[in-house]
């Protein structure tokens, strides 16, 4: 299954969920969990290297 582009952000997100669910179903745990591990580790690394404080981030996050 190929990841199809959507016409809106919402469609893109739904298409990605469908794509990932299909990928997980068709591949062994070791394959997809390795990719998840890479993603999660990169997010943690990015958060640790962030130049903004936790307090400032939370203030930004609360704004509509």
PDB file of N, CA and C in Angstrom:
ATOM      1  N   UNK A   1       0.850  -1.191   0.000  1.00  0.00           N
ATOM      2  CA  UNK A   1       0.000   0.000   0.000  1.00  0.00           C
ATOM      3  C   UNK A   1       0.888   1.245   0.000  1.00  0.00           C
ATOM      4  N   UNK A   2       0.548   2.188  -0.845  1.00  0.00           N
ATOM      5  CA  UNK A   2       1.275   3.452  -0.909  1.00  0.00           C
ATOM      6  C   UNK A   2       0.544   4.501  -0.080  1.00  0.00           C
ATOM      7  N   UNK A   3       1.318   5.425   0.460  1.00  0.00           N
ATOM      8  CA  UNK A   3       0.724   6.534   1.194  1.00  0.00           C
ATOM      9  C   UNK A   3       0.165   7.528   0.188  1.00  0.00           C
ATOM     10  N   UNK A   4      -1.156   7.760   0.246  1.00  0.00           N
ATOM     11  CA  UNK A   4      -1.786   8.665  -0.715  1.00  0.00           C
ATOM     12  C   UNK A   4      -1.892  10.061  -0.116  1.00  0.00           C
ATOM     13  N   UNK A   5      -1.580  11.069  -0.919  1.00  0.00           N
ATOM     14  CA  UNK A   5      -1.748  12.435  -0.409  1.00  0.00           C
ATOM     15  C   UNK A   5      -3.235  12.779  -0.313  1.00  0.00           C
ATOM     16  N   UNK A   6      -3.584  13.512   0.716  1.00  0.00           N
ATOM     17  CA  UNK A   6      -4.965  13.947   0.872  1.00  0.00           C
ATOM     18  C   UNK A   6      -5.152  15.355   0.345  1.00  0.00           C
ATOM     19  N   UNK A   7      -6.392  15.771   0.274  1.00  0.00           N
ATOM     20  CA  UNK A   7      -6.692  17.127  -0.188  1.00  0.00           C
ATOM     21  C   UNK A   7      -6.657  18.116   0.970  1.00  0.00           C
ATOM     22  N   UNK A   8      -6.748  17.583   2.189  1.00  0.00           N
ATOM     23  CA  UNK A   8      -6.705  18.433   3.386  1.00  0.00           C
ATOM     24  C   UNK A   8      -5.767  17.793   4.404  1.00  0.00           C
ATOM     25  N   UNK A   9      -5.428  18.556   5.427  1.00  0.00           N
ATOM     26  CA  UNK A   9      -4.590  18.033   6.504  1.00  0.00           C
ATOM     27  C   UNK A   9      -5.265  16.823   7.155  1.00  0.00           C
ATOM     28  N   UNK A  10      -6.576  16.915   7.358  1.00  0.00           N
ATOM     29  CA  UNK A  10      -7.322  15.811   7.976  1.00  0.00           C
ATOM     30  C   UNK A  10      -7.221  14.545   7.119  1.00  0.00           C
ATOM     31  N   UNK A  11      -7.385  14.688   5.813  1.00  0.00           N
ATOM     32  CA  UNK A  11      -7.265  13.529   4.915  1.00  0.00           C
ATOM     33  C   UNK A  11      -5.860  12.947   4.960  1.00  0.00           C
ATOM     34  N   UNK A  12      -4.846  13.824   5.004  1.00  0.00           N
ATOM     35  CA  UNK A  12      -3.468  13.348   5.112  1.00  0.00           C
ATOM     36  C   UNK A  12      -3.286  12.498   6.363  1.00  0.00           C
ATOM     37  N   UNK A  13      -3.822  12.968   7.464  1.00  0.00           N
ATOM     38  CA  UNK A  13      -3.687  12.235   8.732  1.00  0.00           C
ATOM     39  C   UNK A  13      -4.399  10.883   8.675  1.00  0.00           C
ATOM     40  N   UNK A  14      -5.610  10.876   8.149  1.00  0.00           N
ATOM     41  CA  UNK A  14      -6.374   9.630   8.035  1.00  0.00           C
ATOM     42  C   UNK A  14      -5.652   8.650   7.107  1.00  0.00           C
ATOM     43  N   UNK A  15      -5.139   9.164   5.990  1.00  0.00           N
ATOM     44  CA  UNK A  15      -4.404   8.306   5.058  1.00  0.00           C
ATOM     45  C   UNK A  15      -3.158   7.718   5.716  1.00  0.00           C
ATOM     46  N   UNK A  16      -2.473   8.521   6.536  1.00  0.00           N
ATOM     47  CA  UNK A  16      -1.284   8.013   7.211  1.00  0.00           C
ATOM     48  C   UNK A  16      -1.651   6.929   8.213  1.00  0.00           C
ATOM     49  N   UNK A  17      -2.725   7.115   8.957  1.00  0.00           N
ATOM     50  CA  UNK A  17      -3.162   6.092   9.920  1.00  0.00           C
ATOM     51  C   UNK A  17      -3.487   4.793   9.185  1.00  0.00           C
ATOM     52  N   UNK A  18      -4.199   4.889   8.072  1.00  0.00           N
ATOM     53  CA  UNK A  18      -4.517   3.699   7.278  1.00  0.00           C
ATOM     54  C   UNK A  18      -3.247   3.025   6.763  1.00  0.00           C
ATOM     55  N   UNK A  19      -2.325   3.843   6.268  1.00  0.00           N
ATOM     56  CA  UNK A  19      -1.053   3.321   5.753  1.00  0.00           C
ATOM     57  C   UNK A  19      -0.279   2.597   6.858  1.00  0.00           C
ATOM     58  N   UNK A  20      -0.172   3.237   8.017  1.00  0.00           N
ATOM     59  CA  UNK A  20       0.621   2.653   9.099  1.00  0.00           C
ATOM     60  C   UNK A  20      -0.039   1.379   9.637  1.00  0.00           C
ATOM     61  N   UNK A  21      -1.356   1.370   9.754  1.00  0.00           N
ATOM     62  CA  UNK A  21      -2.066   0.174  10.221  1.00  0.00           C
ATOM     63  C   UNK A  21      -1.819  -0.991   9.264  1.00  0.00           C
ATOM     64  N   UNK A  22      -1.861  -0.721   7.970  1.00  0.00           N
ATOM     65  CA  UNK A  22      -1.588  -1.749   6.970  1.00  0.00           C
ATOM     66  C   UNK A  22      -0.139  -2.235   7.068  1.00  0.00           C
ATOM     67  N   UNK A  23       0.777  -1.302   7.268  1.00  0.00           N
ATOM     68  CA  UNK A  23       2.195  -1.646   7.395  1.00  0.00           C
ATOM     69  C   UNK A  23       2.435  -2.558   8.592  1.00  0.00           C
ATOM     70  N   UNK A  24       1.819  -2.210   9.722  1.00  0.00           N
ATOM     71  CA  UNK A  24       1.980  -3.007  10.947  1.00  0.00           C
ATOM     72  C   UNK A  24       1.403  -4.409  10.758  1.00  0.00           C
ATOM     73  N   UNK A  25       0.266  -4.508  10.079  1.00  0.00           N
ATOM     74  CA  UNK A  25      -0.355  -5.811   9.846  1.00  0.00           C
ATOM     75  C   UNK A  25       0.488  -6.709   8.948  1.00  0.00           C
ATOM     76  N   UNK A  26       1.165  -6.106   7.959  1.00  0.00           N
ATOM     77  CA  UNK A  26       1.883  -6.886   6.951  1.00  0.00           C
ATOM     78  C   UNK A  26       3.356  -7.147   7.270  1.00  0.00           C
ATOM     79  N   UNK A  27       3.876  -6.558   8.346  1.00  0.00           N
ATOM     80  CA  UNK A  27       5.291  -6.714   8.661  1.00  0.00           C
ATOM     81  C   UNK A  27       5.478  -7.271  10.062  1.00  0.00           C
ATOM     82  N   UNK A  28       6.584  -8.007  10.250  1.00  0.00           N
ATOM     83  CA  UNK A  28       6.861  -8.555  11.584  1.00  0.00           C
ATOM     84  C   UNK A  28       7.095  -7.435  12.606  1.00  0.00           C
ATOM     85  N   UNK A  29       6.862  -7.759  13.872  1.00  0.00           N
ATOM     86  CA  UNK A  29       7.042  -6.782  14.948  1.00  0.00           C
ATOM     87  C   UNK A  29       8.420  -6.130  14.908  1.00  0.00           C
ATOM     88  N   UNK A  30       9.458  -6.917  14.631  1.00  0.00           N
ATOM     89  CA  UNK A  30      10.820  -6.372  14.643  1.00  0.00           C
ATOM     90  C   UNK A  30      11.003  -5.273  13.613  1.00  0.00           C
ATOM     91  N   UNK A  31      10.315  -5.359  12.493  1.00  0.00           N
ATOM     92  CA  UNK A  31      10.462  -4.360  11.429  1.00  0.00           C
ATOM     93  C   UNK A  31       9.807  -3.036  11.841  1.00  0.00           C
ATOM     94  N   UNK A  32       8.535  -3.088  12.186  1.00  0.00           N
ATOM     95  CA  UNK A  32       7.858  -1.833  12.480  1.00  0.00           C
ATOM     96  C   UNK A  32       8.234  -1.252  13.832  1.00  0.00           C
ATOM     97  N   UNK A  33       8.563  -2.113  14.811  1.00  0.00           N
ATOM     98  CA  UNK A  33       8.935  -1.577  16.121  1.00  0.00           C
ATOM     99  C   UNK A  33      10.288  -0.875  16.052  1.00  0.00           C
ATOM    100  N   UNK A  34      11.176  -1.328  15.155  1.00  0.00           N
ATOM    101  CA  UNK A  34      12.459  -0.648  14.974  1.00  0.00           C
ATOM    102  C   UNK A  34      12.231   0.767  14.448  1.00  0.00           C
ATOM    103  N   UNK A  35      11.302   0.912  13.523  1.00  0.00           N
ATOM    104  CA  UNK A  35      10.993   2.240  12.987  1.00  0.00           C
ATOM    105  C   UNK A  35      10.352   3.138  14.049  1.00  0.00           C
ATOM    106  N   UNK A  36       9.473   2.564  14.851  1.00  0.00           N
ATOM    107  CA  UNK A  36       8.868   3.325  15.937  1.00  0.00           C
ATOM    108  C   UNK A  36       9.936   3.786  16.921  1.00  0.00           C
ATOM    109  N   UNK A  37      10.889   2.904  17.211  1.00  0.00           N
ATOM    110  CA  UNK A  37      11.971   3.231  18.130  1.00  0.00           C
ATOM    111  C   UNK A  37      12.790   4.407  17.610  1.00  0.00           C
ATOM    112  N   UNK A  38      13.097   4.406  16.323  1.00  0.00           N
ATOM    113  CA  UNK A  38      13.850   5.504  15.712  1.00  0.00           C
ATOM    114  C   UNK A  38      13.076   6.821  15.859  1.00  0.00           C
ATOM    115  N   UNK A  39      11.790   6.779  15.571  1.00  0.00           N
ATOM    116  CA  UNK A  39      10.954   7.976  15.664  1.00  0.00           C
ATOM    117  C   UNK A  39      10.907   8.504  17.100  1.00  0.00           C
ATOM    118  N   UNK A  40      10.624   7.630  18.047  1.00  0.00           N
ATOM    119  CA  UNK A  40      10.501   8.049  19.445  1.00  0.00           C
ATOM    120  C   UNK A  40      11.825   8.581  19.966  1.00  0.00           C
ATOM    121  N   UNK A  41      12.921   7.901  19.662  1.00  0.00           N
ATOM    122  CA  UNK A  41      14.233   8.373  20.117  1.00  0.00           C
ATOM    123  C   UNK A  41      14.571   9.738  19.528  1.00  0.00           C
ATOM    124  N   UNK A  42      14.210   9.969  18.270  1.00  0.00           N
ATOM    125  CA  UNK A  42      14.498  11.267  17.660  1.00  0.00           C
ATOM    126  C   UNK A  42      13.663  12.370  18.303  1.00  0.00           C
ATOM    127  N   UNK A  43      12.435  12.059  18.688  1.00  0.00           N
ATOM    128  CA  UNK A  43      11.599  13.054  19.360  1.00  0.00           C
ATOM    129  C   UNK A  43      12.159  13.392  20.738  1.00  0.00           C
ATOM    130  N   UNK A  44      12.634  12.386  21.459  1.00  0.00           N
ATOM    131  CA  UNK A  44      13.236  12.621  22.773  1.00  0.00           C
ATOM    132  C   UNK A  44      14.505  13.451  22.628  1.00  0.00           C
ATOM    133  N   UNK A  45      15.341  13.097  21.659  1.00  0.00           N
ATOM    134  CA  UNK A  45      16.583  13.843  21.421  1.00  0.00           C
ATOM    135  C   UNK A  45      16.280  15.297  21.076  1.00  0.00           C
ATOM    136  N   UNK A  46      15.294  15.511  20.224  1.00  0.00           N
ATOM    137  CA  UNK A  46      14.906  16.866  19.844  1.00  0.00           C
ATOM    138  C   UNK A  46      14.414  17.659  21.054  1.00  0.00           C
ATOM    139  N   UNK A  47      13.624  17.028  21.904  1.00  0.00           N
ATOM    140  CA  UNK A  47      13.112  17.707  23.097  1.00  0.00           C
ATOM    141  C   UNK A  47      14.255  18.081  24.031  1.00  0.00           C
ATOM    142  N   UNK A  48      15.219  17.199  24.189  1.00  0.00           N
ATOM    143  CA  UNK A  48      16.364  17.476  25.073  1.00  0.00           C
ATOM    144  C   UNK A  48      17.249  18.587  24.526  1.00  0.00           C
ATOM    145  N   UNK A  49      17.323  18.703  23.211  1.00  0.00           N
ATOM    146  CA  UNK A  49      18.171  19.719  22.590  1.00  0.00           C
ATOM    147  C   UNK A  49      17.440  21.029  22.321  1.00  0.00           C
ATOM    148  N   UNK A  50      16.190  21.106  22.741  1.00  0.00           N
ATOM    149  CA  UNK A  50      15.392  22.298  22.498  1.00  0.00           C
ATOM    150  C   UNK A  50      15.989  23.492  23.235  1.00  0.00           C
ATOM    151  N   UNK A  51      15.957  24.632  22.584  1.00  0.00           N
ATOM    152  CA  UNK A  51      16.524  25.838  23.172  1.00  0.00           C
ATOM    153  C   UNK A  51      15.501  26.612  24.010  1.00  0.00           C
ATOM    154  N   UNK A  52      14.258  26.147  24.053  1.00  0.00           N
ATOM    155  CA  UNK A  52      13.262  26.832  24.871  1.00  0.00           C
ATOM    156  C   UNK A  52      13.042  26.054  26.160  1.00  0.00           C
ATOM    157  N   UNK A  53      12.658  26.783  27.189  1.00  0.00           N
ATOM    158  CA  UNK A  53      12.429  26.149  28.487  1.00  0.00           C
ATOM    159  C   UNK A  53      11.106  25.384  28.481  1.00  0.00           C
ATOM    160  N   UNK A  54      10.993  24.472  29.399  1.00  0.00           N
ATOM    161  CA  UNK A  54       9.758  23.707  29.551  1.00  0.00           C
ATOM    162  C   UNK A  54       8.598  24.653  29.852  1.00  0.00           C
ATOM    163  N   UNK A  55       8.858  25.633  30.728  1.00  0.00           N
ATOM    164  CA  UNK A  55       7.814  26.592  31.115  1.00  0.00           C
ATOM    165  C   UNK A  55       7.312  27.364  29.883  1.00  0.00           C
ATOM    166  N   UNK A  56       8.229  27.851  29.054  1.00  0.00           N
ATOM    167  CA  UNK A  56       7.843  28.611  27.868  1.00  0.00           C
ATOM    168  C   UNK A  56       7.076  27.726  26.882  1.00  0.00           C
ATOM    169  N   UNK A  57       7.530  26.500  26.689  1.00  0.00           N
ATOM    170  CA  UNK A  57       6.839  25.568  25.799  1.00  0.00           C
ATOM    171  C   UNK A  57       5.398  25.357  26.253  1.00  0.00           C
ATOM    172  N   UNK A  58       5.213  25.152  27.539  1.00  0.00           N
ATOM    173  CA  UNK A  58       3.860  24.928  28.063  1.00  0.00           C
ATOM    174  C   UNK A  58       2.991  26.159  27.905  1.00  0.00           C
ATOM    175  N   UNK A  59       3.576  27.364  28.050  1.00  0.00           N
ATOM    176  CA  UNK A  59       2.819  28.587  27.830  1.00  0.00           C
ATOM    177  C   UNK A  59       2.349  28.676  26.377  1.00  0.00           C
ATOM    178  N   UNK A  60       3.222  28.369  25.446  1.00  0.00           N
ATOM    179  CA  UNK A  60       2.875  28.387  24.026  1.00  0.00           C
ATOM    180  C   UNK A  60       1.786  27.377  23.731  1.00  0.00           C
ATOM    181  N   UNK A  61       1.921  26.193  24.308  1.00  0.00           N
ATOM    182  CA  UNK A  61       0.990  25.099  24.065  1.00  0.00           C
ATOM    183  C   UNK A  61      -0.420  25.460  24.530  1.00  0.00           C
ATOM    184  N   UNK A  62      -0.548  26.245  25.576  1.00  0.00           N
ATOM    185  CA  UNK A  62      -1.858  26.598  26.125  1.00  0.00           C
ATOM    186  C   UNK A  62      -2.597  27.620  25.282  1.00  0.00           C
ATOM    187  N   UNK A  63      -1.850  28.392  24.496  1.00  0.00           N
ATOM    188  CA  UNK A  63      -2.495  29.443  23.684  1.00  0.00           C
ATOM    189  C   UNK A  63      -3.270  28.832  22.527  1.00  0.00           C
ATOM    190  N   UNK A  64      -4.456  29.393  22.241  1.00  0.00           N
ATOM    191  CA  UNK A  64      -5.268  28.849  21.128  1.00  0.00           C
ATOM    192  C   UNK A  64      -4.663  29.107  19.770  1.00  0.00           C
TER     193      UNK A  64
END
